[in-house]
Amino acid sequence: MPLRQILLIAAIVVLAVGMGYWAYETDLKVSRQPAEATTEIKVPDFFSYNAHIREFDENGLLKSDLTADSISHYPHNDITLLASPDLWSYSDNAAPWHTVADTGRILPDGETVELKKNVVMTQVEGETQKLRMDTDFLTIYSGQDFADTNRPVTIISPSGVMKANGMKAFYKRDFIQLKSRVRGVHESR
């Protein structure tokens, strides 16, 4: 091996060791600095157990009905956390929608609800289930009357089963838009 190659390899090794030592020492100095005290208090300013909230429209008709095992509001980000939310959404011209999940949160606008883990949205007509949608994350925009997810969703209806990656459900208009990778089985009756 020529002397030039040996010197080049040795210089690269020394440079790599030096940079590693410098990075290690810099990290130690940074981690020894005391953490800045935060003035933000991250505790709820109100909470409720076995909560039940009803929302009415301008005509006095029931628009939505939310129950949850617990509700906690955090003022530092204006988020309201929900444990086991159970939401009913009503409309004049459509059957009501019933949505349940393991957890959820109401965003600062008060109109957007994010539901997580085992989200099931069903449309009930009388005593029968008209439509069922299962996913692990769903955002409900109550002011715009639609729900949205980019996660896998399974839709079960009396005529078949459909699976897709993502959907928009305009639940007050009985219209569902599937986003991608749609697969389905339809049974004609």
Protein backbone atom coordinates (compact mmCIF):
# COMPACT_ATOMS: atom_id res chain seq x y z
CA MET A 1 0.00 0.00 0.00
CA PRO A 2 1.55 3.37 -0.95
CA LEU A 3 2.46 5.83 1.77
CA ARG A 4 -0.10 8.37 0.48
CA GLN A 5 -3.02 6.00 1.01
CA ILE A 6 -1.85 5.09 4.51
CA LEU A 7 -1.55 8.81 5.45
CA LEU A 8 -4.98 9.59 3.94
CA ILE A 9 -6.63 6.74 5.86
CA ALA A 10 -4.88 7.75 9.09
CA ALA A 11 -6.00 11.38 8.64
CA ILE A 12 -9.62 10.29 8.08
CA VAL A 13 -9.55 8.06 11.19
CA VAL A 14 -8.04 10.86 13.34
CA LEU A 15 -10.63 13.33 12.00
CA ALA A 16 -13.51 10.91 12.72
CA VAL A 17 -12.28 10.23 16.27
CA GLY A 18 -11.83 13.96 16.89
CA MET A 19 -15.32 14.80 15.64
CA GLY A 20 -16.82 11.99 17.75
CA TYR A 21 -15.05 13.26 20.88
CA TRP A 22 -16.15 16.84 20.13
CA ALA A 23 -19.78 15.76 19.65
CA TYR A 24 -19.68 13.73 22.88
CA GLU A 25 -18.22 16.61 24.90
CA THR A 26 -20.68 19.14 23.42
CA ASP A 27 -23.61 16.87 24.29
CA LEU A 28 -22.42 16.53 27.88
CA LYS A 29 -22.11 20.31 28.30
CA VAL A 30 -25.56 20.91 26.86
CA SER A 31 -27.19 18.26 29.03
CA ARG A 32 -25.59 19.69 32.21
CA GLN A 33 -27.37 23.01 31.76
CA PRO A 34 -30.37 23.40 34.05
CA ALA A 35 -33.75 23.19 32.37
CA GLU A 36 -35.61 26.46 32.08
CA ALA A 37 -38.53 26.73 34.43
CA THR A 38 -41.82 26.78 32.60
CA THR A 39 -44.47 29.20 33.75
CA GLU A 40 -47.24 27.34 31.95
CA ILE A 41 -49.44 25.27 34.21
CA LYS A 42 -50.60 22.10 32.50
CA VAL A 43 -53.39 21.01 34.79
CA PRO A 44 -57.08 21.09 33.93
CA ASP A 45 -59.04 24.19 34.93
CA PHE A 46 -62.23 22.13 35.03
CA PHE A 47 -63.23 18.48 34.79
CA SER A 48 -66.38 16.45 35.04
CA TYR A 49 -67.13 12.78 35.54
CA ASN A 50 -70.10 11.08 33.86
CA ALA A 51 -70.60 14.22 31.78
CA HIS A 52 -73.60 14.80 29.53
CA ILE A 53 -73.65 17.77 27.11
CA ARG A 54 -76.50 18.64 24.76
CA GLU A 55 -76.30 21.16 21.92
CA PHE A 56 -79.39 22.72 20.34
CA ASP A 57 -79.74 24.61 17.05
CA GLU A 58 -81.21 28.10 16.71
CA ASN A 59 -84.74 26.61 16.47
CA GLY A 60 -84.37 24.74 19.76
CA LEU A 61 -84.03 21.31 18.14
CA LEU A 62 -81.45 18.86 19.48
CA LYS A 63 -78.32 19.04 17.30
CA SER A 64 -75.93 16.78 19.24
CA ASP A 65 -75.78 14.83 22.47
CA LEU A 66 -72.39 13.95 24.02
CA THR A 67 -71.76 11.76 27.04
CA ALA A 68 -68.32 10.79 28.37
CA ASP A 69 -66.90 9.02 31.38
CA SER A 70 -64.81 12.14 32.02
CA ILE A 71 -64.15 15.53 30.44
CA SER A 72 -61.06 17.60 31.29
CA HIS A 73 -60.31 21.07 29.88
CA TYR A 74 -56.72 22.33 29.70
CA PRO A 75 -56.38 26.13 29.44
CA HIS A 76 -52.75 26.17 28.22
CA ASN A 77 -53.84 24.83 24.82
CA ASP A 78 -57.66 25.14 25.11
CA ILE A 79 -58.10 21.40 24.46
CA THR A 80 -60.81 19.33 26.13
CA LEU A 81 -59.99 15.64 26.63
CA LEU A 82 -62.76 13.02 26.55
CA ALA A 83 -62.71 9.53 28.03
CA SER A 84 -65.06 7.05 26.34
CA PRO A 85 -66.97 9.65 24.30
CA ASP A 86 -70.44 8.72 23.04
CA LEU A 87 -71.80 11.22 20.52
CA TRP A 88 -75.19 11.42 18.79
CA SER A 89 -75.60 13.84 15.85
CA TYR A 90 -79.10 14.79 14.68
CA SER A 91 -80.48 16.33 11.51
CA ASP A 92 -83.91 17.25 10.17
CA ASN A 93 -83.64 15.26 6.96
CA ALA A 94 -81.47 12.23 7.88
CA ALA A 95 -81.35 9.41 10.38
CA PRO A 96 -79.18 10.18 13.43
CA TRP A 97 -75.50 9.18 13.61
CA HIS A 98 -74.07 7.53 16.72
CA THR A 99 -70.28 7.65 17.27
CA VAL A 100 -68.27 6.03 20.06
CA ALA A 101 -64.53 5.77 20.76
CA ASP A 102 -62.08 4.97 23.53
CA THR A 103 -60.70 8.52 23.75
CA GLY A 104 -61.18 11.88 22.12
CA ARG A 105 -60.59 15.58 22.34
CA ILE A 106 -62.42 18.77 21.46
CA LEU A 107 -60.15 21.28 19.72
CA PRO A 108 -60.02 25.01 20.63
CA ASP A 109 -62.64 26.02 18.04
CA GLY A 110 -65.23 23.99 19.99
CA GLU A 111 -66.59 22.55 16.72
CA THR A 112 -63.90 19.98 15.88
CA VAL A 113 -63.82 16.65 17.71
CA GLU A 114 -60.98 14.14 17.23
CA LEU A 115 -61.78 10.56 18.23
CA LYS A 116 -59.15 7.86 18.69
CA LYS A 117 -59.00 4.10 19.21
CA ASN A 118 -61.88 1.81 18.30
CA VAL A 119 -63.95 4.52 16.64
CA VAL A 120 -67.34 3.23 15.49
CA MET A 121 -69.79 5.51 13.67
CA THR A 122 -73.24 4.09 12.94
CA GLN A 123 -76.36 5.45 11.31
CA VAL A 124 -79.45 4.15 13.05
CA GLU A 125 -82.91 4.21 11.53
CA GLY A 126 -85.58 3.11 13.98
CA GLU A 127 -84.31 -0.06 15.63
CA THR A 128 -82.06 -1.12 12.74
CA GLN A 129 -78.49 -0.17 11.93
CA LYS A 130 -78.37 1.33 8.46
CA LEU A 131 -74.60 1.83 8.15
CA ARG A 132 -71.49 1.22 10.28
CA MET A 133 -67.99 2.70 9.86
CA ASP A 134 -65.00 1.44 11.89
CA THR A 135 -61.59 3.18 12.07
CA ASP A 136 -58.94 4.05 14.64
CA PHE A 137 -59.01 7.84 14.16
CA LEU A 138 -61.81 10.17 13.07
CA THR A 139 -62.18 13.95 13.00
CA ILE A 140 -65.73 15.27 13.20
CA TYR A 141 -66.32 18.83 12.01
CA SER A 142 -69.70 19.48 13.60
CA GLY A 143 -70.02 23.00 12.19
CA GLN A 144 -69.63 21.63 8.65
CA ASP A 145 -71.52 18.38 9.28
CA PHE A 146 -68.87 15.97 8.07
CA ALA A 147 -66.34 13.48 9.41
CA ASP A 148 -62.89 12.79 7.97
CA THR A 149 -60.10 10.23 8.35
CA ASN A 150 -56.96 9.28 6.46
CA ARG A 151 -56.70 5.96 8.29
CA PRO A 152 -58.07 2.59 7.14
CA VAL A 153 -61.84 2.39 7.43
CA THR A 154 -64.33 -0.47 7.15
CA ILE A 155 -67.89 0.37 6.09
CA ILE A 156 -70.59 -2.22 6.69
CA SER A 157 -74.06 -1.81 5.18
CA PRO A 158 -76.94 -4.24 4.64
CA SER A 159 -75.76 -4.70 1.04
CA GLY A 160 -72.06 -5.34 1.66
CA VAL A 161 -68.69 -4.46 3.14
CA MET A 162 -66.21 -1.88 1.85
CA LYS A 163 -62.67 -1.15 3.02
CA ALA A 164 -60.65 1.92 2.11
CA ASN A 165 -57.78 4.09 3.21
CA GLY A 166 -59.47 7.30 4.29
CA MET A 167 -62.92 8.74 3.83
CA LYS A 168 -65.03 11.85 4.13
CA ALA A 169 -68.52 11.23 5.45
CA PHE A 170 -71.00 14.05 4.88
CA TYR A 171 -73.29 12.48 7.42
CA LYS A 172 -76.11 15.03 7.28
CA ARG A 173 -76.41 14.51 3.49
CA ASP A 174 -75.94 10.69 3.53
CA PHE A 175 -72.88 10.91 1.27
CA ILE A 176 -69.54 9.13 1.78
CA GLN A 177 -66.41 9.78 -0.29
CA LEU A 178 -63.71 7.09 -0.07
CA LYS A 179 -60.16 8.35 -0.60
CA SER A 180 -57.96 5.47 -1.81
CA ARG A 181 -57.39 1.69 -2.01
CA VAL A 182 -61.09 0.90 -2.03
CA ARG A 183 -62.10 -2.75 -1.87
CA GLY A 184 -65.60 -4.06 -1.43
CA VAL A 185 -68.11 -6.86 -1.61
CA HIS A 186 -71.66 -6.01 -2.66
CA GLU A 187 -74.58 -8.39 -2.26
CA SER A 188 -77.64 -7.58 -4.38
CA ARG A 189 -80.98 -8.32 -2.75
